Amino acid sequence: MPTVTYVSPSGIARKIDVPSGMSIMQAALNHRVEGIPGECGGNCMCATCHVYVDSPLLHRIPPAQNNEKSMLSIAAESPTTNSRLSCQIKMTEELDGIVIRIPAKQR
């Protein structure tokens, strides 16, 4: 099963098995990963699942659509070129080993 490593703002890493097809946000919620509240439940209607994707696998994620870009613009912590909403990233075998960094604040 593919894995995601969630890295807290303090640098603590937590590796989790995530089934293909599940969003990275849902996996974080299922495993009570701190820092990803996902308040809208994965509907791309808030920015509380904002994450920074480490560069090596960023190119394997489909580009952000306009609604995701709009939500990122209201994120509590400034978005960067590797910012994504974790609700919009569906796990695949190609993303095995992806590293997700959690912003210091989400609200």
C-alpha atoms as a PDB file:
ATOM      1  CA  MET A   1       0.000   0.000   0.000  1.00  0.00           C
ATOM      2  CA  PRO A   2       1.348   3.480  -0.798  1.00  0.00           C
ATOM      3  CA  THR A   3       2.487   5.685   2.067  1.00  0.00           C
ATOM      4  CA  VAL A   4       2.329   9.368   2.947  1.00  0.00           C
ATOM      5  CA  THR A   5       4.660  11.026   5.425  1.00  0.00           C
ATOM      6  CA  TYR A   6       3.024  13.939   7.235  1.00  0.00           C
ATOM      7  CA  VAL A   7       5.510  16.373   8.764  1.00  0.00           C
ATOM      8  CA  SER A   8       4.297  18.648  11.557  1.00  0.00           C
ATOM      9  CA  PRO A   9       5.386  22.292  11.781  1.00  0.00           C
ATOM     10  CA  SER A  10       7.826  21.222  14.510  1.00  0.00           C
ATOM     11  CA  GLY A  11       9.420  18.636  12.188  1.00  0.00           C
ATOM     12  CA  ILE A  12       7.898  15.447  13.614  1.00  0.00           C
ATOM     13  CA  ALA A  13       7.254  12.963  10.787  1.00  0.00           C
ATOM     14  CA  ARG A  14       4.493  10.369  10.752  1.00  0.00           C
ATOM     15  CA  LYS A  15       4.300   7.742   7.988  1.00  0.00           C
ATOM     16  CA  ILE A  16       0.833   6.353   7.185  1.00  0.00           C
ATOM     17  CA  ASP A  17      -0.392   3.722   4.724  1.00  0.00           C
ATOM     18  CA  VAL A  18      -3.046   5.279   2.485  1.00  0.00           C
ATOM     19  CA  PRO A  19      -5.188   3.235   0.097  1.00  0.00           C
ATOM     20  CA  SER A  20      -5.163   4.308  -3.540  1.00  0.00           C
ATOM     21  CA  GLY A  21      -8.112   6.563  -4.283  1.00  0.00           C
ATOM     22  CA  MET A  22      -8.370   8.052  -0.791  1.00  0.00           C
ATOM     23  CA  SER A  23      -7.582  11.729  -0.388  1.00  0.00           C
ATOM     24  CA  ILE A  24      -4.521  12.658   1.609  1.00  0.00           C
ATOM     25  CA  MET A  25      -6.807  14.804   3.786  1.00  0.00           C
ATOM     26  CA  GLN A  26      -9.158  11.901   4.572  1.00  0.00           C
ATOM     27  CA  ALA A  27      -6.237   9.685   5.530  1.00  0.00           C
ATOM     28  CA  ALA A  28      -5.002  12.435   7.877  1.00  0.00           C
ATOM     29  CA  LEU A  29      -8.450  12.704   9.469  1.00  0.00           C
ATOM     30  CA  ASN A  30      -8.767   8.916   9.792  1.00  0.00           C
ATOM     31  CA  HIS A  31      -5.421   8.787  11.618  1.00  0.00           C
ATOM     32  CA  ARG A  32      -5.942  11.965  13.659  1.00  0.00           C
ATOM     33  CA  VAL A  33      -2.999  13.808  12.150  1.00  0.00           C
ATOM     34  CA  GLU A  34      -2.812  17.136  13.956  1.00  0.00           C
ATOM     35  CA  GLY A  35      -2.906  20.284  11.880  1.00  0.00           C
ATOM     36  CA  ILE A  36      -5.293  19.157   9.146  1.00  0.00           C
ATOM     37  CA  PRO A  37      -8.839  19.852  10.423  1.00  0.00           C
ATOM     38  CA  GLY A  38     -10.497  19.570   6.988  1.00  0.00           C
ATOM     39  CA  GLU A  39     -13.498  21.565   8.141  1.00  0.00           C
ATOM     40  CA  CYS A  40     -15.481  21.334   4.891  1.00  0.00           C
ATOM     41  CA  GLY A  41     -15.095  17.557   4.720  1.00  0.00           C
ATOM     42  CA  GLY A  42     -13.099  17.524   1.509  1.00  0.00           C
ATOM     43  CA  ASN A  43     -15.421  19.625  -0.635  1.00  0.00           C
ATOM     44  CA  CYS A  44     -12.796  22.219  -1.629  1.00  0.00           C
ATOM     45  CA  MET A  45     -14.770  24.925   0.165  1.00  0.00           C
ATOM     46  CA  CYS A  46     -12.189  26.034   2.731  1.00  0.00           C
ATOM     47  CA  ALA A  47      -8.423  25.970   3.134  1.00  0.00           C
ATOM     48  CA  THR A  48      -8.111  24.061   6.413  1.00  0.00           C
ATOM     49  CA  CYS A  49      -6.375  21.162   4.701  1.00  0.00           C
ATOM     50  CA  HIS A  50      -3.670  23.327   3.138  1.00  0.00           C
ATOM     51  CA  VAL A  51      -0.348  21.489   2.892  1.00  0.00           C
ATOM     52  CA  TYR A  52       3.058  21.925   1.291  1.00  0.00           C
ATOM     53  CA  VAL A  53       4.045  19.037  -0.983  1.00  0.00           C
ATOM     54  CA  ASP A  54       7.749  18.190  -1.103  1.00  0.00           C
ATOM     55  CA  SER A  55       9.107  18.758  -4.609  1.00  0.00           C
ATOM     56  CA  PRO A  56      10.167  15.281  -5.752  1.00  0.00           C
ATOM     57  CA  LEU A  57       6.580  14.078  -6.342  1.00  0.00           C
ATOM     58  CA  LEU A  58       4.798  17.405  -6.854  1.00  0.00           C
ATOM     59  CA  HIS A  59       4.860  16.989 -10.645  1.00  0.00           C
ATOM     60  CA  ARG A  60       2.894  13.715 -10.348  1.00  0.00           C
ATOM     61  CA  ILE A  61      -0.156  15.443  -8.861  1.00  0.00           C
ATOM     62  CA  PRO A  62      -2.675  16.827 -11.370  1.00  0.00           C
ATOM     63  CA  PRO A  63      -2.581  20.646 -11.489  1.00  0.00           C
ATOM     64  CA  ALA A  64      -4.816  22.605  -9.123  1.00  0.00           C
ATOM     65  CA  GLN A  65      -8.148  23.649 -10.610  1.00  0.00           C
ATOM     66  CA  ASN A  66      -9.499  27.194 -10.280  1.00  0.00           C
ATOM     67  CA  ASN A  67     -11.623  26.414  -7.202  1.00  0.00           C
ATOM     68  CA  GLU A  68      -8.611  24.972  -5.370  1.00  0.00           C
ATOM     69  CA  LYS A  69      -6.488  27.981  -6.349  1.00  0.00           C
ATOM     70  CA  SER A  70      -9.225  30.270  -5.033  1.00  0.00           C
ATOM     71  CA  MET A  71      -9.352  28.476  -1.679  1.00  0.00           C
ATOM     72  CA  LEU A  72      -5.561  28.511  -1.383  1.00  0.00           C
ATOM     73  CA  SER A  73      -5.652  32.282  -1.754  1.00  0.00           C
ATOM     74  CA  ILE A  74      -7.493  32.488   1.589  1.00  0.00           C
ATOM     75  CA  ALA A  75      -5.259  30.021   3.448  1.00  0.00           C
ATOM     76  CA  ALA A  76      -4.193  31.141   6.935  1.00  0.00           C
ATOM     77  CA  GLU A  77      -0.536  30.652   6.029  1.00  0.00           C
ATOM     78  CA  SER A  78       0.667  32.071   2.736  1.00  0.00           C
ATOM     79  CA  PRO A  79       0.558  29.617  -0.147  1.00  0.00           C
ATOM     80  CA  THR A  80       3.707  28.843  -2.109  1.00  0.00           C
ATOM     81  CA  THR A  81       4.374  27.108  -5.422  1.00  0.00           C
ATOM     82  CA  ASN A  82       4.096  23.717  -3.687  1.00  0.00           C
ATOM     83  CA  SER A  83       0.873  24.517  -1.781  1.00  0.00           C
ATOM     84  CA  ARG A  84      -2.102  22.249  -2.321  1.00  0.00           C
ATOM     85  CA  LEU A  85      -5.329  21.365  -0.577  1.00  0.00           C
ATOM     86  CA  SER A  86      -4.869  17.828   0.673  1.00  0.00           C
ATOM     87  CA  CYS A  87      -8.543  17.068  -0.040  1.00  0.00           C
ATOM     88  CA  GLN A  88      -7.743  17.446  -3.735  1.00  0.00           C
ATOM     89  CA  ILE A  89      -4.847  14.973  -3.760  1.00  0.00           C
ATOM     90  CA  LYS A  90      -6.012  11.406  -4.328  1.00  0.00           C
ATOM     91  CA  MET A  91      -3.465   8.791  -3.364  1.00  0.00           C
ATOM     92  CA  THR A  92      -2.029   6.626  -6.137  1.00  0.00           C
ATOM     93  CA  GLU A  93       0.796   4.118  -6.381  1.00  0.00           C
ATOM     94  CA  GLU A  94       2.762   6.810  -8.252  1.00  0.00           C
ATOM     95  CA  LEU A  95       2.595   9.024  -5.141  1.00  0.00           C
ATOM     96  CA  ASP A  96       4.011   6.336  -2.840  1.00  0.00           C
ATOM     97  CA  GLY A  97       6.408   7.959  -0.400  1.00  0.00           C
ATOM     98  CA  ILE A  98       5.054  11.493  -0.842  1.00  0.00           C
ATOM     99  CA  VAL A  99       5.995  13.933   1.929  1.00  0.00           C
ATOM    100  CA  ILE A 100       3.394  16.449   3.068  1.00  0.00           C
ATOM    101  CA  ARG A 101       4.367  19.362   5.315  1.00  0.00           C
ATOM    102  CA  ILE A 102       1.656  20.844   7.501  1.00  0.00           C
ATOM    103  CA  PRO A 103       1.526  24.644   7.903  1.00  0.00           C
ATOM    104  CA  ALA A 104       1.876  26.150  11.371  1.00  0.00           C
ATOM    105  CA  LYS A 105      -1.675  27.518  11.199  1.00  0.00           C
ATOM    106  CA  GLN A 106      -4.803  26.577   9.284  1.00  0.00           C
ATOM    107  CA  ARG A 107      -7.374  29.098  10.485  1.00  0.00           C
END
